[in-house]
Amino acid sequence: MIDTGMYTQRSDLAPNLTPPDSWLDVVGKDLNNPRPARGTVQPEPGTGASHGTQVASIIAATTNNGTALAGVAYNLLRVLPIKVFDAGQRAGTLQIAQALEYAAGATQIAGQLFVNPTPAQVVNLSLSISAPGFSDPYLEHVLEQVTQQGLVVVASSGNADLPTVGYPASSPFVIAVGATDASQARAHWLSGYASNYGEGLEFVAPGTGVPVAHGPNQGEYALAYGTSASAPFISGAIGLYLLQQQLLRQTPPSNPSARLAQVRACLTSAAQNPSTWDSQIGYGLVDLSKVVEPSNPACFPRG
């Protein structure tokens, strides 16, 4: 999870996090003077401080413990938090690229090498640059590189009510996720504030009034609105799919870069509209039961 950092001390999240020696703050307090630090991802105070905690809780809130939330991962997945936002809630494409490199195995920041002891399989990017046509050459290069290493990257489509998917969700190396409302339509929240749509949108997930952990203290919760809340539903589904592959002793593609294509095919087969793409919601909501169903040939081919 590449985000604003998170309140790792919450007991309803801590059991489902990777060990602290894998956590990384890429940027520190000032984007203009990065001070990377391992083992701490405490959010910077201010607006948006709880964003990463909210996103993580959708995936990893502990289940069957009597608290208000249950994550989509059923205590089966672990979240590796990587912080890329500074005290002004700013993040650069360079820092996102470094975070992706670290998630995949290792990165170098200001001449210092950071090796990840628990490399990720799926990366969630609940962030978006909603500038039509925007693409960053170096970040695009890194996205291609980590995809070739077998990493699957998921990103939010953006919240600007634009008919274009934001970046990096618009990258061919990223699975783009939009948001729905309670009626399963494209989510609209306020004037000019709705889920981005159009070419490149692949799937949607709930993004309207999603219960999430909020703040550093146990028992603090909120309702989340936006495609930031949608992406982790799909990231969690992909994580469970890859876990099911392992449990069924399914051989992954010999070419690591083929994993993204396999994941896309599986999710599409489990979506509401697998044969009909729609500009508003892509292939639609994804049925997780079909994603992990061993008899689904699109997810678990026999050969």
C-alpha atoms as a PDB file:
ATOM      1  CA  MET A   1       0.000   0.000   0.000  1.00  0.00           C
ATOM      2  CA  ILE A   2       1.659   3.195  -1.263  1.00  0.00           C
ATOM      3  CA  ASP A   3      -0.115   6.046   0.488  1.00  0.00           C
ATOM      4  CA  THR A   4       0.051   8.729   3.194  1.00  0.00           C
ATOM      5  CA  GLY A   5       1.365   6.328   5.807  1.00  0.00           C
ATOM      6  CA  MET A   6      -0.847   4.733   8.426  1.00  0.00           C
ATOM      7  CA  TYR A   7      -1.514   4.380  12.132  1.00  0.00           C
ATOM      8  CA  THR A   8       0.112   0.999  12.537  1.00  0.00           C
ATOM      9  CA  GLN A   9      -0.536   0.866  16.289  1.00  0.00           C
ATOM     10  CA  ARG A  10      -4.262   0.241  15.882  1.00  0.00           C
ATOM     11  CA  SER A  11      -4.955  -3.237  17.237  1.00  0.00           C
ATOM     12  CA  ASP A  12      -7.681  -3.812  14.623  1.00  0.00           C
ATOM     13  CA  LEU A  13      -5.038  -3.463  11.883  1.00  0.00           C
ATOM     14  CA  ALA A  14      -1.680  -4.424  13.385  1.00  0.00           C
ATOM     15  CA  PRO A  15      -2.092  -8.229  13.158  1.00  0.00           C
ATOM     16  CA  ASN A  16      -2.505  -8.004   9.384  1.00  0.00           C
ATOM     17  CA  LEU A  17       0.567  -5.875   8.649  1.00  0.00           C
ATOM     18  CA  THR A  18       3.992  -7.067   7.527  1.00  0.00           C
ATOM     19  CA  PRO A  19       6.839  -6.813  10.091  1.00  0.00           C
ATOM     20  CA  PRO A  20       8.037  -3.257  10.870  1.00  0.00           C
ATOM     21  CA  ASP A  21      11.440  -3.828   9.288  1.00  0.00           C
ATOM     22  CA  SER A  22       9.665  -3.886   5.911  1.00  0.00           C
ATOM     23  CA  TRP A  23       7.868  -0.537   6.332  1.00  0.00           C
ATOM     24  CA  LEU A  24       9.358   2.461   4.538  1.00  0.00           C
ATOM     25  CA  ASP A  25       8.812   6.213   4.608  1.00  0.00           C
ATOM     26  CA  VAL A  26      10.178   7.318   1.236  1.00  0.00           C
ATOM     27  CA  VAL A  27       9.844  11.079   1.700  1.00  0.00           C
ATOM     28  CA  GLY A  28       9.756  12.143   5.376  1.00  0.00           C
ATOM     29  CA  LYS A  29       8.291  15.567   6.196  1.00  0.00           C
ATOM     30  CA  ASP A  30       9.390  17.548   3.128  1.00  0.00           C
ATOM     31  CA  LEU A  31       9.126  16.473  -0.501  1.00  0.00           C
ATOM     32  CA  ASN A  32      11.863  18.972  -1.387  1.00  0.00           C
ATOM     33  CA  ASN A  33      14.263  17.451   1.129  1.00  0.00           C
ATOM     34  CA  PRO A  34      13.444  13.728   1.343  1.00  0.00           C
ATOM     35  CA  ARG A  35      14.562  11.906   4.490  1.00  0.00           C
ATOM     36  CA  PRO A  36      13.718   8.230   3.961  1.00  0.00           C
ATOM     37  CA  ALA A  37      13.299   6.087   7.059  1.00  0.00           C
ATOM     38  CA  ARG A  38      12.711   2.383   7.561  1.00  0.00           C
ATOM     39  CA  GLY A  39      10.352   0.972  10.169  1.00  0.00           C
ATOM     40  CA  THR A  40       8.097   4.005  10.529  1.00  0.00           C
ATOM     41  CA  VAL A  41       5.162   5.143   8.398  1.00  0.00           C
ATOM     42  CA  GLN A  42       3.427   7.458  10.879  1.00  0.00           C
ATOM     43  CA  PRO A  43       1.254   9.912   8.917  1.00  0.00           C
ATOM     44  CA  GLU A  44       2.079  13.590   9.005  1.00  0.00           C
ATOM     45  CA  PRO A  45      -0.551  15.555  11.001  1.00  0.00           C
ATOM     46  CA  GLY A  46      -3.245  17.459   9.154  1.00  0.00           C
ATOM     47  CA  THR A  47      -5.883  16.936   6.515  1.00  0.00           C
ATOM     48  CA  GLY A  48      -5.534  13.566   4.862  1.00  0.00           C
ATOM     49  CA  ALA A  49      -3.524  12.021   7.690  1.00  0.00           C
ATOM     50  CA  SER A  50      -5.961   9.119   7.976  1.00  0.00           C
ATOM     51  CA  HIS A  51      -6.130   8.382   4.252  1.00  0.00           C
ATOM     52  CA  GLY A  52      -3.668   5.477   4.323  1.00  0.00           C
ATOM     53  CA  THR A  53      -5.247   4.028   7.463  1.00  0.00           C
ATOM     54  CA  GLN A  54      -8.642   4.108   5.789  1.00  0.00           C
ATOM     55  CA  VAL A  55      -7.360   2.386   2.654  1.00  0.00           C
ATOM     56  CA  ALA A  56      -5.500  -0.266   4.658  1.00  0.00           C
ATOM     57  CA  SER A  57      -8.562  -1.031   6.777  1.00  0.00           C
ATOM     58  CA  ILE A  58     -10.646  -1.926   3.705  1.00  0.00           C
ATOM     59  CA  ILE A  59      -8.152  -4.687   2.981  1.00  0.00           C
ATOM     60  CA  ALA A  60      -6.774  -5.624   6.365  1.00  0.00           C
ATOM     61  CA  ALA A  61      -9.144  -4.766   9.219  1.00  0.00           C
ATOM     62  CA  THR A  62      -9.091  -7.888  11.376  1.00  0.00           C
ATOM     63  CA  THR A  63     -12.147 -10.121  11.131  1.00  0.00           C
ATOM     64  CA  ASN A  64     -14.061 -12.035  13.834  1.00  0.00           C
ATOM     65  CA  ASN A  65     -12.728  -9.849  16.655  1.00  0.00           C
ATOM     66  CA  GLY A  66     -15.907  -8.052  17.688  1.00  0.00           C
ATOM     67  CA  THR A  67     -14.933  -4.657  16.244  1.00  0.00           C
ATOM     68  CA  ALA A  68     -16.906  -2.616  13.727  1.00  0.00           C
ATOM     69  CA  LEU A  69     -14.921  -3.550  10.623  1.00  0.00           C
ATOM     70  CA  ALA A  70     -13.923  -6.651   8.695  1.00  0.00           C
ATOM     71  CA  GLY A  71     -11.408  -6.339   5.851  1.00  0.00           C
ATOM     72  CA  VAL A  72     -12.016  -7.939   2.478  1.00  0.00           C
ATOM     73  CA  ALA A  73      -8.945 -10.166   2.939  1.00  0.00           C
ATOM     74  CA  TYR A  74     -10.418 -12.312   5.744  1.00  0.00           C
ATOM     75  CA  ASN A  75      -7.127 -12.122   7.736  1.00  0.00           C
ATOM     76  CA  LEU A  76      -5.417 -14.001   4.883  1.00  0.00           C
ATOM     77  CA  LEU A  77      -3.318 -11.171   3.420  1.00  0.00           C
ATOM     78  CA  ARG A  78      -0.742  -8.793   4.880  1.00  0.00           C
ATOM     79  CA  VAL A  79      -0.405  -5.090   4.096  1.00  0.00           C
ATOM     80  CA  LEU A  80       3.041  -3.542   3.634  1.00  0.00           C
ATOM     81  CA  PRO A  81       2.684   0.230   4.228  1.00  0.00           C
ATOM     82  CA  ILE A  82       4.936   2.559   2.211  1.00  0.00           C
ATOM     83  CA  LYS A  83       4.605   6.298   2.843  1.00  0.00           C
ATOM     84  CA  VAL A  84       5.099   8.747  -0.065  1.00  0.00           C
ATOM     85  CA  PHE A  85       3.275  11.898   1.123  1.00  0.00           C
ATOM     86  CA  ASP A  86       4.989  14.669   3.112  1.00  0.00           C
ATOM     87  CA  ALA A  87       3.646  17.030   5.780  1.00  0.00           C
ATOM     88  CA  GLY A  88       1.981  19.154   3.107  1.00  0.00           C
ATOM     89  CA  GLN A  89       0.242  16.055   1.693  1.00  0.00           C
ATOM     90  CA  ARG A  90       2.441  16.280  -1.419  1.00  0.00           C
ATOM     91  CA  ALA A  91       3.832  13.313  -3.305  1.00  0.00           C
ATOM     92  CA  GLY A  92       5.980  13.273  -6.442  1.00  0.00           C
ATOM     93  CA  THR A  93       6.036  10.773  -9.269  1.00  0.00           C
ATOM     94  CA  LEU A  94       9.680  10.052  -8.367  1.00  0.00           C
ATOM     95  CA  GLN A  95       8.677   9.024  -4.845  1.00  0.00           C
ATOM     96  CA  ILE A  96       5.877   6.817  -6.208  1.00  0.00           C
ATOM     97  CA  ALA A  97       8.390   5.193  -8.576  1.00  0.00           C
ATOM     98  CA  GLN A  98      10.829   4.590  -5.701  1.00  0.00           C
ATOM     99  CA  ALA A  99       8.017   3.104  -3.621  1.00  0.00           C
ATOM    100  CA  LEU A 100       7.117   0.728  -6.455  1.00  0.00           C
ATOM    101  CA  GLU A 101      10.752  -0.344  -6.811  1.00  0.00           C
ATOM    102  CA  TYR A 102      10.896  -0.989  -3.071  1.00  0.00           C
ATOM    103  CA  ALA A 103       7.621  -2.936  -3.126  1.00  0.00           C
ATOM    104  CA  ALA A 104       9.102  -5.153  -5.827  1.00  0.00           C
ATOM    105  CA  GLY A 105      12.386  -5.692  -3.995  1.00  0.00           C
ATOM    106  CA  ALA A 106      14.727  -2.727  -3.588  1.00  0.00           C
ATOM    107  CA  THR A 107      15.226   0.954  -4.353  1.00  0.00           C
ATOM    108  CA  GLN A 108      17.922   3.578  -4.001  1.00  0.00           C
ATOM    109  CA  ILE A 109      17.046   6.933  -2.437  1.00  0.00           C
ATOM    110  CA  ALA A 110      19.624   9.700  -2.131  1.00  0.00           C
ATOM    111  CA  GLY A 111      22.425   7.169  -2.563  1.00  0.00           C
ATOM    112  CA  GLN A 112      21.061   4.819   0.113  1.00  0.00           C
ATOM    113  CA  LEU A 113      19.925   1.310  -0.789  1.00  0.00           C
ATOM    114  CA  PHE A 114      16.708   0.021   0.778  1.00  0.00           C
ATOM    115  CA  VAL A 115      16.050  -3.720   0.374  1.00  0.00           C
ATOM    116  CA  ASN A 116      12.562  -5.012   1.082  1.00  0.00           C
ATOM    117  CA  PRO A 117      12.613  -8.188   3.233  1.00  0.00           C
ATOM    118  CA  THR A 118       8.984  -8.969   2.297  1.00  0.00           C
ATOM    119  CA  PRO A 119       8.446  -8.025  -1.374  1.00  0.00           C
ATOM    120  CA  ALA A 120       4.857  -7.411  -2.415  1.00  0.00           C
ATOM    121  CA  GLN A 121       2.753  -9.217  -5.012  1.00  0.00           C
ATOM    122  CA  VAL A 122       0.071  -6.536  -5.372  1.00  0.00           C
ATOM    123  CA  VAL A 123       0.421  -2.755  -4.993  1.00  0.00           C
ATOM    124  CA  ASN A 124      -2.511  -0.474  -4.197  1.00  0.00           C
ATOM    125  CA  LEU A 125      -2.271   3.150  -5.367  1.00  0.00           C
ATOM    126  CA  SER A 126      -5.264   5.057  -4.000  1.00  0.00           C
ATOM    127  CA  LEU A 127      -4.071   8.238  -5.690  1.00  0.00           C
ATOM    128  CA  SER A 128      -4.582   9.906  -9.045  1.00  0.00           C
ATOM    129  CA  ILE A 129      -3.414  12.800 -11.187  1.00  0.00           C
ATOM    130  CA  SER A 130      -6.596  13.828 -13.004  1.00  0.00           C
ATOM    131  CA  ALA A 131      -4.904  15.752 -15.827  1.00  0.00           C
ATOM    132  CA  PRO A 132      -6.061  14.325 -19.165  1.00  0.00           C
ATOM    133  CA  GLY A 133      -3.183  12.871 -21.136  1.00  0.00           C
ATOM    134  CA  PHE A 134      -0.661  13.160 -18.304  1.00  0.00           C
ATOM    135  CA  SER A 135       2.020  10.489 -18.073  1.00  0.00           C
ATOM    136  CA  ASP A 136       5.416  10.514 -16.379  1.00  0.00           C
ATOM    137  CA  PRO A 137       8.157   8.801 -18.450  1.00  0.00           C
ATOM    138  CA  TYR A 138      10.230   7.591 -15.510  1.00  0.00           C
ATOM    139  CA  LEU A 139       7.251   6.344 -13.508  1.00  0.00           C
ATOM    140  CA  GLU A 140       5.979   4.624 -16.649  1.00  0.00           C
ATOM    141  CA  HIS A 141       9.361   2.918 -17.046  1.00  0.00           C
ATOM    142  CA  VAL A 142       9.247   1.703 -13.443  1.00  0.00           C
ATOM    143  CA  LEU A 143       5.666   0.482 -13.831  1.00  0.00           C
ATOM    144  CA  GLU A 144       6.733  -1.585 -16.821  1.00  0.00           C
ATOM    145  CA  GLN A 145       9.779  -2.862 -14.934  1.00  0.00           C
ATOM    146  CA  VAL A 146       7.927  -4.006 -11.815  1.00  0.00           C
ATOM    147  CA  THR A 147       5.191  -5.575 -13.957  1.00  0.00           C
ATOM    148  CA  GLN A 148       7.867  -7.616 -15.705  1.00  0.00           C
ATOM    149  CA  GLN A 149       8.988  -8.727 -12.246  1.00  0.00           C
ATOM    150  CA  GLY A 150       5.476 -10.081 -11.552  1.00  0.00           C
ATOM    151  CA  LEU A 151       4.036  -7.217  -9.488  1.00  0.00           C
ATOM    152  CA  VAL A 152       0.357  -6.344 -10.103  1.00  0.00           C
ATOM    153  CA  VAL A 153      -0.442  -2.634  -9.667  1.00  0.00           C
ATOM    154  CA  VAL A 154      -3.942  -1.285  -8.990  1.00  0.00           C
ATOM    155  CA  ALA A 155      -4.874   2.425  -8.959  1.00  0.00           C
ATOM    156  CA  SER A 156      -7.867   4.706  -8.488  1.00  0.00           C
ATOM    157  CA  SER A 157      -9.422   6.243 -11.592  1.00  0.00           C
ATOM    158  CA  GLY A 158      -9.746   9.645  -9.880  1.00  0.00           C
ATOM    159  CA  ASN A 159     -12.557  11.759  -8.440  1.00  0.00           C
ATOM    160  CA  ALA A 160     -12.785  14.716 -10.844  1.00  0.00           C
ATOM    161  CA  ASP A 161     -15.879  13.592 -12.819  1.00  0.00           C
ATOM    162  CA  LEU A 162     -13.801  13.499 -16.003  1.00  0.00           C
ATOM    163  CA  PRO A 163     -14.362  11.206 -19.019  1.00  0.00           C
ATOM    164  CA  THR A 164     -10.706  10.191 -18.796  1.00  0.00           C
ATOM    165  CA  VAL A 165      -9.019   7.917 -16.265  1.00  0.00           C
ATOM    166  CA  GLY A 166      -6.405   9.641 -14.136  1.00  0.00           C
ATOM    167  CA  TYR A 167      -2.740   8.690 -13.983  1.00  0.00           C
ATOM    168  CA  PRO A 168      -1.206   6.232 -13.122  1.00  0.00           C
ATOM    169  CA  ALA A 169      -4.458   4.246 -13.490  1.00  0.00           C
ATOM    170  CA  SER A 170      -4.379   5.122 -17.197  1.00  0.00           C
ATOM    171  CA  SER A 171      -1.079   3.276 -17.653  1.00  0.00           C
ATOM    172  CA  PRO A 172      -1.337  -0.039 -19.545  1.00  0.00           C
ATOM    173  CA  PHE A 173       0.642  -1.580 -16.682  1.00  0.00           C
ATOM    174  CA  VAL A 174      -2.005  -0.646 -14.079  1.00  0.00           C
ATOM    175  CA  ILE A 175      -5.515  -1.949 -13.352  1.00  0.00           C
ATOM    176  CA  ALA A 176      -7.848   1.078 -13.214  1.00  0.00           C
ATOM    177  CA  VAL A 177     -10.689   1.078 -10.679  1.00  0.00           C
ATOM    178  CA  GLY A 178     -13.635   3.469 -10.442  1.00  0.00           C
ATOM    179  CA  ALA A 179     -16.303   3.909  -7.777  1.00  0.00           C
ATOM    180  CA  THR A 180     -19.980   2.993  -7.545  1.00  0.00           C
ATOM    181  CA  ASP A 181     -22.810   4.165  -5.332  1.00  0.00           C
ATOM    182  CA  ALA A 182     -25.430   2.076  -3.516  1.00  0.00           C
ATOM    183  CA  SER A 183     -27.372   1.568  -6.771  1.00  0.00           C
ATOM    184  CA  GLN A 184     -24.213   0.163  -8.452  1.00  0.00           C
ATOM    185  CA  ALA A 185     -24.027   3.150 -10.816  1.00  0.00           C
ATOM    186  CA  ARG A 186     -20.988   5.388 -11.326  1.00  0.00           C
ATOM    187  CA  ALA A 187     -20.595   7.336  -8.109  1.00  0.00           C
ATOM    188  CA  HIS A 188     -21.387  11.063  -7.917  1.00  0.00           C
ATOM    189  CA  TRP A 189     -20.760  12.824  -4.602  1.00  0.00           C
ATOM    190  CA  LEU A 190     -20.706  16.615  -5.013  1.00  0.00           C
ATOM    191  CA  SER A 191     -20.716  19.006  -7.968  1.00  0.00           C
ATOM    192  CA  GLY A 192     -17.564  18.259  -9.950  1.00  0.00           C
ATOM    193  CA  TYR A 193     -16.723  15.406  -7.625  1.00  0.00           C
ATOM    194  CA  ALA A 194     -17.492  11.999  -9.110  1.00  0.00           C
ATOM    195  CA  SER A 195     -15.687   8.886 -10.272  1.00  0.00           C
ATOM    196  CA  ASN A 196     -13.601   9.387 -13.429  1.00  0.00           C
ATOM    197  CA  TYR A 197     -14.652   7.156 -16.293  1.00  0.00           C
ATOM    198  CA  GLY A 198     -14.002   6.431 -19.970  1.00  0.00           C
ATOM    199  CA  GLU A 199     -11.312   4.626 -21.924  1.00  0.00           C
ATOM    200  CA  GLY A 200      -9.004   2.564 -19.724  1.00  0.00           C
ATOM    201  CA  LEU A 201     -11.478   2.078 -16.867  1.00  0.00           C
ATOM    202  CA  GLU A 202     -11.562  -1.645 -16.109  1.00  0.00           C
ATOM    203  CA  PHE A 203     -13.567  -2.346 -12.958  1.00  0.00           C
ATOM    204  CA  VAL A 204     -15.512  -0.599 -10.220  1.00  0.00           C
ATOM    205  CA  ALA A 205     -16.006  -1.196  -6.509  1.00  0.00           C
ATOM    206  CA  PRO A 206     -17.890   0.507  -3.668  1.00  0.00           C
ATOM    207  CA  GLY A 207     -16.788   4.094  -3.128  1.00  0.00           C
ATOM    208  CA  THR A 208     -19.733   5.735  -1.406  1.00  0.00           C
ATOM    209  CA  GLY A 209     -20.050   5.689   2.379  1.00  0.00           C
ATOM    210  CA  VAL A 210     -17.557   2.858   2.881  1.00  0.00           C
ATOM    211  CA  PRO A 211     -16.915   2.203   6.614  1.00  0.00           C
ATOM    212  CA  VAL A 212     -13.211   2.625   7.407  1.00  0.00           C
ATOM    213  CA  ALA A 213     -10.792   2.981  10.304  1.00  0.00           C
ATOM    214  CA  HIS A 214     -10.027   6.651  10.968  1.00  0.00           C
ATOM    215  CA  GLY A 215      -7.386   8.134  13.231  1.00  0.00           C
ATOM    216  CA  PRO A 216      -4.844   6.540  15.552  1.00  0.00           C
ATOM    217  CA  ASN A 217      -7.179   5.221  18.217  1.00  0.00           C
ATOM    218  CA  GLN A 218      -9.039   1.952  18.414  1.00  0.00           C
ATOM    219  CA  GLY A 219     -12.770   2.523  17.980  1.00  0.00           C
ATOM    220  CA  GLU A 220     -12.426   5.542  15.670  1.00  0.00           C
ATOM    221  CA  TYR A 221     -14.224   5.039  12.365  1.00  0.00           C
ATOM    222  CA  ALA A 222     -15.547   7.093   9.463  1.00  0.00           C
ATOM    223  CA  LEU A 223     -17.272   6.766   6.095  1.00  0.00           C
ATOM    224  CA  ALA A 224     -15.061   7.085   3.016  1.00  0.00           C
ATOM    225  CA  TYR A 225     -16.098   8.547  -0.343  1.00  0.00           C
ATOM    226  CA  GLY A 226     -14.020   8.322  -3.496  1.00  0.00           C
ATOM    227  CA  THR A 227     -12.130   5.997  -5.779  1.00  0.00           C
ATOM    228  CA  SER A 228      -9.464   5.752  -3.074  1.00  0.00           C
ATOM    229  CA  ALA A 229     -11.892   3.488  -1.243  1.00  0.00           C
ATOM    230  CA  SER A 230     -12.642   1.467  -4.396  1.00  0.00           C
ATOM    231  CA  ALA A 231      -9.122   0.426  -5.407  1.00  0.00           C
ATOM    232  CA  PRO A 232      -8.383  -1.606  -2.250  1.00  0.00           C
ATOM    233  CA  PHE A 233     -11.426  -3.815  -2.861  1.00  0.00           C
ATOM    234  CA  ILE A 234      -9.871  -4.899  -6.160  1.00  0.00           C
ATOM    235  CA  SER A 235      -6.369  -5.113  -4.674  1.00  0.00           C
ATOM    236  CA  GLY A 236      -7.729  -7.400  -1.960  1.00  0.00           C
ATOM    237  CA  ALA A 237      -9.512  -9.551  -4.528  1.00  0.00           C
ATOM    238  CA  ILE A 238      -6.286  -9.936  -6.517  1.00  0.00           C
ATOM    239  CA  GLY A 239      -4.374 -10.860  -3.376  1.00  0.00           C
ATOM    240  CA  LEU A 240      -6.887 -13.582  -2.562  1.00  0.00           C
ATOM    241  CA  TYR A 241      -6.733 -14.836  -6.150  1.00  0.00           C
ATOM    242  CA  LEU A 242      -2.940 -15.169  -6.023  1.00  0.00           C
ATOM    243  CA  LEU A 243      -3.224 -16.899  -2.656  1.00  0.00           C
ATOM    244  CA  GLN A 244      -5.760 -19.358  -4.066  1.00  0.00           C
ATOM    245  CA  GLN A 245      -3.367 -20.077  -6.931  1.00  0.00           C
ATOM    246  CA  GLN A 246      -0.732 -21.048  -4.377  1.00  0.00           C
ATOM    247  CA  LEU A 247      -3.132 -23.160  -2.315  1.00  0.00           C
ATOM    248  CA  LEU A 248      -4.243 -25.028  -5.443  1.00  0.00           C
ATOM    249  CA  ARG A 249      -0.593 -25.425  -6.472  1.00  0.00           C
ATOM    250  CA  GLN A 250      -1.359 -23.720  -9.765  1.00  0.00           C
ATOM    251  CA  THR A 251       1.796 -22.879 -11.685  1.00  0.00           C
ATOM    252  CA  PRO A 252       1.989 -19.125 -12.360  1.00  0.00           C
ATOM    253  CA  PRO A 253       2.957 -17.965 -15.861  1.00  0.00           C
ATOM    254  CA  SER A 254       6.598 -18.729 -16.643  1.00  0.00           C
ATOM    255  CA  ASN A 255       6.969 -15.139 -17.812  1.00  0.00           C
ATOM    256  CA  PRO A 256       6.351 -12.922 -14.739  1.00  0.00           C
ATOM    257  CA  SER A 257       5.000 -10.083 -16.888  1.00  0.00           C
ATOM    258  CA  ALA A 258       2.189 -12.422 -18.003  1.00  0.00           C
ATOM    259  CA  ARG A 259       0.769 -12.351 -14.487  1.00  0.00           C
ATOM    260  CA  LEU A 260      -0.977  -9.022 -15.142  1.00  0.00           C
ATOM    261  CA  ALA A 261      -2.715 -10.424 -18.220  1.00  0.00           C
ATOM    262  CA  GLN A 262      -3.789 -13.498 -16.263  1.00  0.00           C
ATOM    263  CA  VAL A 263      -5.165 -11.363 -13.417  1.00  0.00           C
ATOM    264  CA  ARG A 264      -7.051  -9.150 -15.860  1.00  0.00           C
ATOM    265  CA  ALA A 265      -8.602 -12.183 -17.556  1.00  0.00           C
ATOM    266  CA  CYS A 266      -9.652 -13.651 -14.219  1.00  0.00           C
ATOM    267  CA  LEU A 267     -11.215 -10.432 -12.908  1.00  0.00           C
ATOM    268  CA  THR A 268     -13.021  -9.822 -16.187  1.00  0.00           C
ATOM    269  CA  SER A 269     -14.531 -13.315 -16.075  1.00  0.00           C
ATOM    270  CA  ALA A 270     -15.807 -12.577 -12.568  1.00  0.00           C
ATOM    271  CA  ALA A 271     -17.185  -9.122 -13.383  1.00  0.00           C
ATOM    272  CA  GLN A 272     -20.798  -8.096 -13.862  1.00  0.00           C
ATOM    273  CA  ASN A 273     -20.415  -7.530 -17.606  1.00  0.00           C
ATOM    274  CA  PRO A 274     -17.553  -9.802 -18.741  1.00  0.00           C
ATOM    275  CA  SER A 275     -18.380  -9.469 -22.431  1.00  0.00           C
ATOM    276  CA  THR A 276     -19.600  -5.859 -22.526  1.00  0.00           C
ATOM    277  CA  TRP A 277     -17.391  -2.964 -21.519  1.00  0.00           C
ATOM    278  CA  ASP A 278     -19.166   0.230 -20.468  1.00  0.00           C
ATOM    279  CA  SER A 279     -17.551   3.676 -20.306  1.00  0.00           C
ATOM    280  CA  GLN A 280     -19.227   4.441 -16.960  1.00  0.00           C
ATOM    281  CA  ILE A 281     -18.264   1.312 -15.016  1.00  0.00           C
ATOM    282  CA  GLY A 282     -15.876  -0.670 -17.224  1.00  0.00           C
ATOM    283  CA  TYR A 283     -16.657  -4.357 -16.836  1.00  0.00           C
ATOM    284  CA  GLY A 284     -18.499  -3.580 -13.592  1.00  0.00           C
ATOM    285  CA  LEU A 285     -18.307  -4.911 -10.070  1.00  0.00           C
ATOM    286  CA  VAL A 286     -16.246  -8.054  -9.460  1.00  0.00           C
ATOM    287  CA  ASP A 287     -17.733 -11.138  -7.798  1.00  0.00           C
ATOM    288  CA  LEU A 288     -15.005 -12.366  -5.452  1.00  0.00           C
ATOM    289  CA  SER A 289     -16.542 -15.822  -5.161  1.00  0.00           C
ATOM    290  CA  LYS A 290     -15.885 -16.322  -8.894  1.00  0.00           C
ATOM    291  CA  VAL A 291     -12.317 -15.017  -8.553  1.00  0.00           C
ATOM    292  CA  VAL A 292     -11.417 -17.788  -6.104  1.00  0.00           C
ATOM    293  CA  GLU A 293     -13.639 -20.523  -7.579  1.00  0.00           C
ATOM    294  CA  PRO A 294     -11.311 -23.395  -8.608  1.00  0.00           C
ATOM    295  CA  SER A 295     -13.625 -24.426 -11.446  1.00  0.00           C
ATOM    296  CA  ASN A 296     -13.425 -20.993 -13.111  1.00  0.00           C
ATOM    297  CA  PRO A 297     -11.216 -21.733 -16.164  1.00  0.00           C
ATOM    298  CA  ALA A 298     -10.400 -18.064 -16.744  1.00  0.00           C
ATOM    299  CA  CYS A 299      -8.797 -17.923 -13.289  1.00  0.00           C
ATOM    300  CA  PHE A 300      -7.476 -21.476 -12.958  1.00  0.00           C
ATOM    301  CA  PRO A 301      -6.832 -22.882 -16.432  1.00  0.00           C
ATOM    302  CA  ARG A 302      -6.252 -26.585 -16.819  1.00  0.00           C
ATOM    303  CA  GLY A 303      -3.467 -27.470 -19.129  1.00  0.00           C
END
